[in-house]
């Protein structure tokens, strides 16, 4: 009886720790890093948005969005008292933490994870009372079920996603809603696999193979899914350009965007270069938490790409033109405009051989029409 009590107590302690660990990382992030992220966004807006001059201008223009993403700005006691007298819900003075009613996805994910661990470890086949230490170890062996292994795979995905988001300062309540959907979808997929491969006496698939497949389905990273989509689109583009699967201007044509950044942009509805060039930059800065300098650089590249593609009939020709421009150190629309302005300040072509050489190199990289559209490119982006 004593060993049984010890074993079950350890089992419940493990379930409790494993269940609340992802949520603990969120609350640690909420307490330590959220205020710093808000201050960084305010500094970036003062730097990149010419329409704001002071911190009050930034909060007046972007305040509602910042309150939603980073939590409310600290308020002096008088403002809090006024809000309470008017029947509104106001944060405590000095608080920058996420509002309690926006932590619902974190709580829901914790409940789902707890249920999953209970189903995985509370094995009814283990008889009580326990008589040895080896039998206590059996309490921590999961049941051999596709549903349980799918949950274990989804839990590995959860730990990886939460830790990566914590390190990259990108941990949000929406991430936990995604975790909940991933766990439920993995369990449903495991049910389908079990019904397909074990519903008939003729089924030959081994149980071990099915357990491994269920685990892999649960832990499959989102970045791998994004990469598989990109490979499929690339193959479809090579095989048949008329297929709707083909992305005309994929983000992979830009430089400096890794697979994780492409997945984050896809979460915010930016799936191609044209979407990035016309998206609201402050919104992307708030919701993706990607540094402003990188977002501005990618957007600048996207504007140049669209202008080059607009003067080119085939995508391969546009890529070749961009390669020529990059060979001369021109990666963005701002770079192209700077080169054009520098060439205009040179000695007139009729009296300077160097001017002729620079102009001929620029025209060989693109054409006269493309050089002229560089002036309009800088007007489509924030100043940098």
Protein backbone atom coordinates (compact mmCIF):
# COMPACT_ATOMS: atom_id res chain seq x y z
CA UNK A 1 0.00 0.00 0.00
CA UNK A 2 2.85 2.37 0.78
CA UNK A 3 4.51 1.77 -2.62
CA UNK A 4 1.16 2.27 -4.32
CA UNK A 5 0.68 5.61 -2.58
CA UNK A 6 4.19 6.73 -3.49
CA UNK A 7 3.82 5.58 -7.09
CA UNK A 8 0.46 7.24 -7.66
CA UNK A 9 1.63 10.45 -5.98
CA UNK A 10 4.67 10.64 -8.25
CA UNK A 11 2.47 9.90 -11.25
CA UNK A 12 0.07 12.72 -10.45
CA UNK A 13 2.96 15.09 -9.77
CA UNK A 14 4.43 14.31 -13.18
CA UNK A 15 1.05 14.86 -14.87
CA UNK A 16 0.66 18.20 -13.09
CA UNK A 17 4.15 19.45 -14.01
CA UNK A 18 3.95 18.28 -17.62
CA UNK A 19 0.50 19.85 -18.01
CA UNK A 20 1.30 23.30 -16.65
CA UNK A 21 4.84 23.64 -18.05
CA UNK A 22 3.77 25.30 -21.36
CA UNK A 23 1.49 27.70 -19.48
CA UNK A 24 4.24 28.56 -16.98
CA UNK A 25 6.50 29.62 -19.83
CA UNK A 26 3.77 31.95 -21.09
CA UNK A 27 3.23 33.60 -17.71
CA UNK A 28 7.00 33.96 -17.30
CA UNK A 29 7.15 35.58 -20.73
CA UNK A 30 4.16 37.76 -19.85
CA UNK A 31 5.85 39.04 -16.71
CA UNK A 32 9.43 39.45 -17.97
CA UNK A 33 9.46 40.27 -21.69
CA UNK A 34 6.12 41.83 -22.65
CA UNK A 35 6.90 45.33 -21.40
CA UNK A 36 10.26 45.28 -23.20
CA UNK A 37 8.56 44.34 -26.47
CA UNK A 38 6.15 47.25 -26.17
CA UNK A 39 8.99 49.69 -25.55
CA UNK A 40 10.88 48.30 -28.55
CA UNK A 41 7.85 48.78 -30.80
CA UNK A 42 7.43 52.38 -29.61
CA UNK A 43 11.08 53.11 -30.38
CA UNK A 44 10.75 51.53 -33.83
CA UNK A 45 7.71 53.64 -34.65
CA UNK A 46 9.53 56.80 -33.60
CA UNK A 47 12.32 55.78 -35.95
CA UNK A 48 10.39 54.57 -38.99
CA UNK A 49 7.11 56.50 -38.98
CA UNK A 50 7.67 60.17 -39.98
CA UNK A 51 4.12 61.13 -38.97
CA UNK A 52 4.85 60.68 -35.23
CA UNK A 53 7.26 62.87 -33.30
CA UNK A 54 6.72 61.97 -29.64
CA UNK A 55 5.82 58.96 -27.54
CA UNK A 56 2.34 60.43 -27.05
CA UNK A 57 1.89 60.49 -30.84
CA UNK A 58 2.84 56.82 -31.05
CA UNK A 59 0.38 55.82 -28.31
CA UNK A 60 -2.39 57.95 -29.81
CA UNK A 61 -1.99 56.33 -33.22
CA UNK A 62 -1.08 52.74 -32.31
CA UNK A 63 -2.43 52.53 -28.74
CA UNK A 64 -5.37 50.14 -29.30
CA UNK A 65 -3.21 47.73 -31.27
CA UNK A 66 -0.43 47.83 -28.68
CA UNK A 67 -2.91 47.26 -25.84
CA UNK A 68 -4.22 44.20 -27.66
CA UNK A 69 -0.80 42.71 -28.39
CA UNK A 70 1.34 43.83 -25.45
CA UNK A 71 -1.16 44.65 -22.74
CA UNK A 72 -2.24 48.08 -21.42
CA UNK A 73 0.22 50.90 -20.83
CA UNK A 74 0.87 51.82 -17.18
CA UNK A 75 -1.64 54.36 -15.91
CA UNK A 76 -1.38 56.82 -13.07
CA UNK A 77 -3.73 56.22 -10.10
CA UNK A 78 -6.04 59.06 -11.14
CA UNK A 79 -6.73 57.49 -14.52
CA UNK A 80 -7.41 54.12 -12.92
CA UNK A 81 -9.85 55.68 -10.42
CA UNK A 82 -11.69 57.52 -13.19
CA UNK A 83 -12.05 54.35 -15.20
CA UNK A 84 -13.40 52.42 -12.23
CA UNK A 85 -15.90 55.19 -11.42
CA UNK A 86 -17.18 54.94 -14.99
CA UNK A 87 -17.65 51.19 -14.65
CA UNK A 88 -14.73 50.24 -16.88
CA UNK A 89 -12.15 47.57 -16.21
CA UNK A 90 -8.77 49.21 -15.70
CA UNK A 91 -5.40 47.60 -15.04
CA UNK A 92 -3.46 48.27 -11.91
CA UNK A 93 -0.99 51.13 -11.98
CA UNK A 94 2.33 50.00 -13.43
CA UNK A 95 0.83 46.87 -15.02
CA UNK A 96 1.78 45.85 -18.52
CA UNK A 97 0.67 42.25 -18.37
CA UNK A 98 -1.86 40.61 -20.63
CA UNK A 99 -5.46 41.10 -19.51
CA UNK A 100 -6.92 38.04 -17.73
CA UNK A 101 -9.78 37.64 -20.22
CA UNK A 102 -7.22 37.24 -23.02
CA UNK A 103 -5.54 34.26 -21.39
CA UNK A 104 -8.39 31.94 -22.32
CA UNK A 105 -6.40 30.06 -25.01
CA UNK A 106 -3.65 29.33 -22.46
CA UNK A 107 -6.13 27.87 -19.97
CA UNK A 108 -7.89 25.85 -22.68
CA UNK A 109 -4.60 24.39 -23.92
CA UNK A 110 -3.62 23.45 -20.34
CA UNK A 111 -6.92 21.61 -19.82
CA UNK A 112 -6.52 19.67 -23.07
CA UNK A 113 -2.92 18.74 -22.23
CA UNK A 114 -3.96 17.57 -18.75
CA UNK A 115 -6.67 15.32 -20.20
CA UNK A 116 -4.14 13.91 -22.65
CA UNK A 117 -1.64 13.02 -19.93
CA UNK A 118 -4.34 11.42 -17.79
CA UNK A 119 -5.39 9.19 -20.71
CA UNK A 120 -1.75 8.39 -21.47
CA UNK A 121 -0.55 7.38 -17.99
CA UNK A 122 -3.55 6.19 -15.98
CA UNK A 123 -3.32 2.64 -17.24
CA UNK A 124 -6.13 0.45 -15.82
CA UNK A 125 -4.16 -2.72 -16.65
CA UNK A 126 -1.74 -2.06 -13.78
CA UNK A 127 -3.05 -3.88 -10.75
CA UNK A 128 -2.83 -2.51 -7.22
CA UNK A 129 -1.23 -2.80 -4.77
CA UNK A 130 2.28 -2.29 -6.15
CA UNK A 131 4.87 -4.63 -4.71
CA UNK A 132 8.20 -3.38 -6.08
CA UNK A 133 10.00 -0.32 -7.39
CA UNK A 134 9.95 -1.79 -10.92
CA UNK A 135 6.17 -1.70 -10.84
CA UNK A 136 6.30 2.02 -9.98
CA UNK A 137 8.22 2.58 -13.22
CA UNK A 138 5.35 0.94 -15.10
CA UNK A 139 3.10 3.78 -13.97
CA UNK A 140 5.07 6.13 -16.26
CA UNK A 141 4.82 3.98 -19.38
CA UNK A 142 2.15 5.30 -21.78
CA UNK A 143 -0.53 3.06 -23.11
CA UNK A 144 0.19 1.50 -26.53
CA UNK A 145 -2.58 3.26 -28.37
CA UNK A 146 -2.43 5.38 -31.57
CA UNK A 147 -4.44 8.10 -29.80
CA UNK A 148 -1.96 8.27 -26.93
CA UNK A 149 1.06 8.33 -29.23
CA UNK A 150 -0.54 11.04 -31.35
CA UNK A 151 -0.96 13.10 -28.18
CA UNK A 152 2.66 12.48 -27.17
CA UNK A 153 3.81 13.68 -30.58
CA UNK A 154 1.64 16.77 -30.29
CA UNK A 155 3.09 17.42 -26.82
CA UNK A 156 6.63 17.30 -28.22
CA UNK A 157 5.46 19.78 -30.86
CA UNK A 158 4.01 21.95 -28.06
CA UNK A 159 7.26 22.07 -26.10
CA UNK A 160 9.28 22.86 -29.21
CA UNK A 161 6.87 25.57 -30.38
CA UNK A 162 6.57 27.23 -26.96
CA UNK A 163 10.33 27.22 -26.32
CA UNK A 164 11.12 28.56 -29.79
CA UNK A 165 8.51 31.31 -29.44
CA UNK A 166 9.81 32.19 -25.98
CA UNK A 167 13.39 32.52 -27.22
CA UNK A 168 12.31 34.60 -30.24
CA UNK A 169 10.00 36.81 -28.10
CA UNK A 170 6.99 35.65 -30.10
CA UNK A 171 4.90 33.82 -27.49
CA UNK A 172 1.24 34.88 -27.70
CA UNK A 173 -2.15 33.52 -26.56
CA UNK A 174 -2.90 32.68 -30.20
CA UNK A 175 -0.02 30.22 -30.11
CA UNK A 176 -1.87 28.20 -27.46
CA UNK A 177 -5.05 28.15 -29.52
CA UNK A 178 -2.93 26.63 -32.29
CA UNK A 179 -1.57 24.06 -29.82
CA UNK A 180 -5.09 23.04 -28.79
CA UNK A 181 -6.14 22.59 -32.41
CA UNK A 182 -2.98 20.60 -33.13
CA UNK A 183 -3.61 18.15 -30.26
CA UNK A 184 -7.25 17.60 -31.18
CA UNK A 185 -6.45 17.21 -34.88
CA UNK A 186 -3.67 14.71 -34.12
CA UNK A 187 -6.02 12.63 -31.96
CA UNK A 188 -8.72 12.62 -34.64
CA UNK A 189 -6.17 11.62 -37.27
CA UNK A 190 -5.02 8.76 -35.01
CA UNK A 191 -8.62 7.54 -34.76
CA UNK A 192 -8.87 7.55 -38.54
CA UNK A 193 -5.59 5.64 -38.91
CA UNK A 194 -6.70 3.05 -36.37
CA UNK A 195 -10.04 2.61 -38.15
CA UNK A 196 -8.35 2.22 -41.53
CA UNK A 197 -5.62 -0.26 -40.58
CA UNK A 198 -7.22 -2.31 -37.79
CA UNK A 199 -10.92 -2.36 -38.63
CA UNK A 200 -10.71 -5.47 -40.83
CA UNK A 201 -9.21 -8.92 -40.18
CA UNK A 202 -7.14 -8.56 -43.38
CA UNK A 203 -5.21 -5.58 -41.99
CA UNK A 204 -1.46 -6.28 -42.18
CA UNK A 205 -0.05 -3.02 -40.80
CA UNK A 206 1.94 -3.70 -37.63
CA UNK A 207 0.92 -1.96 -34.44
CA UNK A 208 4.42 -0.54 -33.93
CA UNK A 209 4.39 1.12 -37.36
CA UNK A 210 1.01 2.66 -36.64
CA UNK A 211 2.19 4.01 -33.27
CA UNK A 212 5.25 5.60 -34.89
CA UNK A 213 3.12 7.11 -37.65
CA UNK A 214 0.68 8.57 -35.12
CA UNK A 215 3.56 10.07 -33.13
CA UNK A 216 5.15 11.62 -36.24
CA UNK A 217 1.82 13.13 -37.32
CA UNK A 218 1.42 14.75 -33.92
CA UNK A 219 4.90 16.29 -33.76
CA UNK A 220 5.20 17.41 -37.41
CA UNK A 221 6.46 21.04 -37.23
CA UNK A 222 4.55 23.82 -38.97
CA UNK A 223 7.76 24.95 -40.67
CA UNK A 224 8.04 21.52 -42.31
CA UNK A 225 4.46 21.80 -43.56
CA UNK A 226 5.24 25.22 -45.01
CA UNK A 227 8.35 23.82 -46.67
CA UNK A 228 6.40 20.92 -48.17
CA UNK A 229 3.88 23.39 -49.59
CA UNK A 230 6.68 25.43 -51.14
CA UNK A 231 8.26 22.33 -52.69
CA UNK A 232 4.89 21.21 -54.06
CA UNK A 233 4.27 24.64 -55.58
CA UNK A 234 7.74 24.69 -57.09
CA UNK A 235 7.18 21.27 -58.63
CA UNK A 236 3.76 22.29 -59.94
CA UNK A 237 5.27 25.44 -61.43
CA UNK A 238 7.83 23.35 -63.30
CA UNK A 239 5.28 20.78 -64.45
CA UNK A 240 2.33 22.99 -65.39
CA UNK A 241 2.23 26.76 -64.95
CA UNK A 242 -1.54 26.88 -65.39
CA UNK A 243 -2.23 25.07 -62.12
CA UNK A 244 -3.87 27.16 -59.40
CA UNK A 245 -1.46 25.61 -56.90
CA UNK A 246 1.37 27.69 -58.32
CA UNK A 247 2.27 30.81 -56.32
CA UNK A 248 3.22 33.49 -58.81
CA UNK A 249 5.51 35.50 -56.53
CA UNK A 250 6.58 33.27 -53.61
CA UNK A 251 8.41 34.72 -50.62
CA UNK A 252 11.33 32.38 -51.34
CA UNK A 253 12.34 34.73 -54.19
CA UNK A 254 13.37 37.32 -51.60
CA UNK A 255 16.69 37.21 -49.74
CA UNK A 256 17.03 36.88 -45.98
CA UNK A 257 13.67 35.24 -45.10
CA UNK A 258 14.11 31.89 -43.35
CA UNK A 259 11.49 29.17 -43.08
CA UNK A 260 10.33 30.29 -39.62
CA UNK A 261 9.81 33.88 -40.79
CA UNK A 262 7.84 32.67 -43.80
CA UNK A 263 5.63 30.61 -41.50
CA UNK A 264 5.04 33.65 -39.25
CA UNK A 265 4.15 35.85 -42.22
CA UNK A 266 1.79 33.15 -43.49
CA UNK A 267 0.01 33.17 -40.10
CA UNK A 268 -0.72 36.88 -40.66
CA UNK A 269 -2.06 36.33 -44.18
CA UNK A 270 1.12 37.24 -46.10
CA UNK A 271 1.72 34.34 -48.48
CA UNK A 272 3.52 36.01 -51.39
CA UNK A 273 5.67 38.99 -52.37
CA UNK A 274 2.74 41.10 -53.53
CA UNK A 275 0.99 40.63 -50.18
CA UNK A 276 4.13 41.69 -48.33
CA UNK A 277 4.63 44.80 -50.48
CA UNK A 278 1.08 46.05 -49.81
CA UNK A 279 0.63 44.94 -46.19
CA UNK A 280 0.48 47.37 -43.27
CA UNK A 281 4.01 47.40 -41.83
CA UNK A 282 3.15 48.57 -38.28
CA UNK A 283 0.62 45.75 -38.04
CA UNK A 284 3.22 43.21 -39.15
CA UNK A 285 5.69 44.60 -36.61
CA UNK A 286 3.19 44.23 -33.78
CA UNK A 287 1.75 40.82 -34.60
CA UNK A 288 4.82 39.00 -35.96
CA UNK A 289 7.30 40.73 -33.60
CA UNK A 290 9.91 40.51 -36.34
CA UNK A 291 12.46 43.35 -36.00
CA UNK A 292 11.44 46.44 -37.95
CA UNK A 293 14.68 46.69 -39.91
CA UNK A 294 14.24 43.23 -41.39
CA UNK A 295 10.59 43.82 -42.28
CA UNK A 296 11.43 47.12 -43.99
CA UNK A 297 14.26 45.48 -45.93
CA UNK A 298 12.00 42.64 -47.11
CA UNK A 299 9.28 45.09 -48.10
CA UNK A 300 11.81 47.18 -50.00
CA UNK A 301 12.93 44.06 -51.85
CA UNK A 302 9.29 43.16 -52.59
CA UNK A 303 8.60 46.59 -54.12
CA UNK A 304 11.62 46.27 -56.42
CA UNK A 305 10.58 42.72 -57.36
CA UNK A 306 7.06 43.81 -58.32
CA UNK A 307 8.38 46.67 -60.47
CA UNK A 308 10.78 44.32 -62.25
CA UNK A 309 8.05 41.70 -62.74
CA UNK A 310 5.68 44.37 -64.10
CA UNK A 311 8.08 45.00 -67.02
CA UNK A 312 8.74 41.29 -67.61
CA UNK A 313 6.47 38.68 -69.15
CA UNK A 314 8.15 35.58 -67.74
CA UNK A 315 9.09 34.93 -64.15
CA UNK A 316 12.52 33.56 -65.09
CA UNK A 317 13.38 36.82 -66.85
CA UNK A 318 12.41 38.82 -63.76
CA UNK A 319 14.67 36.62 -61.62
CA UNK A 320 17.53 37.13 -64.06
CA UNK A 321 17.08 40.89 -63.97
CA UNK A 322 17.08 40.86 -60.17
CA UNK A 323 20.26 38.79 -60.23
CA UNK A 324 21.93 41.40 -62.44
CA UNK A 325 20.82 44.19 -60.11
CA UNK A 326 22.14 42.30 -57.08
CA UNK A 327 25.46 41.83 -58.85
CA UNK A 328 25.77 45.63 -58.78
CA UNK A 329 24.77 45.78 -55.10
CA UNK A 330 21.13 46.77 -55.79
CA UNK A 331 18.83 44.64 -53.58
CA UNK A 332 15.95 47.01 -52.88
CA UNK A 333 13.93 49.78 -54.51
CA UNK A 334 15.70 52.30 -52.28
CA UNK A 335 19.08 51.06 -53.53
CA UNK A 336 17.91 51.51 -57.12
CA UNK A 337 16.73 55.04 -56.46
CA UNK A 338 20.00 55.89 -54.71
CA UNK A 339 22.00 54.63 -57.70
CA UNK A 340 19.85 56.65 -60.05
CA UNK A 341 20.27 59.81 -57.95
CA UNK A 342 24.03 59.24 -57.74
CA UNK A 343 24.21 58.88 -61.52
CA UNK A 344 22.18 62.07 -61.98
CA UNK A 345 24.67 64.02 -59.84
CA UNK A 346 27.60 62.98 -61.97
CA UNK A 347 29.13 65.08 -64.71
CA UNK A 348 26.82 65.10 -67.80
CA UNK A 349 27.35 62.17 -70.11
CA UNK A 350 28.55 64.37 -72.95
CA UNK A 351 31.62 65.47 -70.98
CA UNK A 352 32.36 62.51 -68.71
CA UNK A 353 33.36 59.03 -69.81
CA UNK A 354 32.82 57.73 -66.31
CA UNK A 355 29.21 58.91 -66.44
CA UNK A 356 28.71 57.03 -69.71
CA UNK A 357 30.12 53.88 -68.17
CA UNK A 358 27.94 54.08 -65.05
CA UNK A 359 24.83 54.76 -67.11
CA UNK A 360 25.52 51.87 -69.47
CA UNK A 361 26.02 49.49 -66.53
CA UNK A 362 22.74 50.56 -64.96
CA UNK A 363 20.83 50.14 -68.21
CA UNK A 364 22.36 46.70 -68.75
CA UNK A 365 21.11 45.62 -65.35
CA UNK A 366 17.53 46.65 -66.10
CA UNK A 367 16.26 49.14 -68.64
CA UNK A 368 15.39 52.81 -68.78
CA UNK A 369 11.77 52.22 -67.84
CA UNK A 370 12.70 50.17 -64.77
CA UNK A 371 15.07 52.86 -63.57
CA UNK A 372 12.29 55.42 -63.78
CA UNK A 373 9.88 53.36 -61.67
CA UNK A 374 12.44 53.33 -58.86
CA UNK A 375 11.29 56.80 -57.95
CA UNK A 376 7.81 55.52 -57.15
CA UNK A 377 9.11 52.53 -55.18
CA UNK A 378 10.33 54.56 -52.22
CA UNK A 379 6.91 56.16 -51.83
CA UNK A 380 5.33 52.77 -51.09
CA UNK A 381 7.41 52.04 -47.98
CA UNK A 382 8.28 53.66 -44.65
CA UNK A 383 11.30 55.82 -44.61
CA UNK A 384 14.49 54.05 -43.57
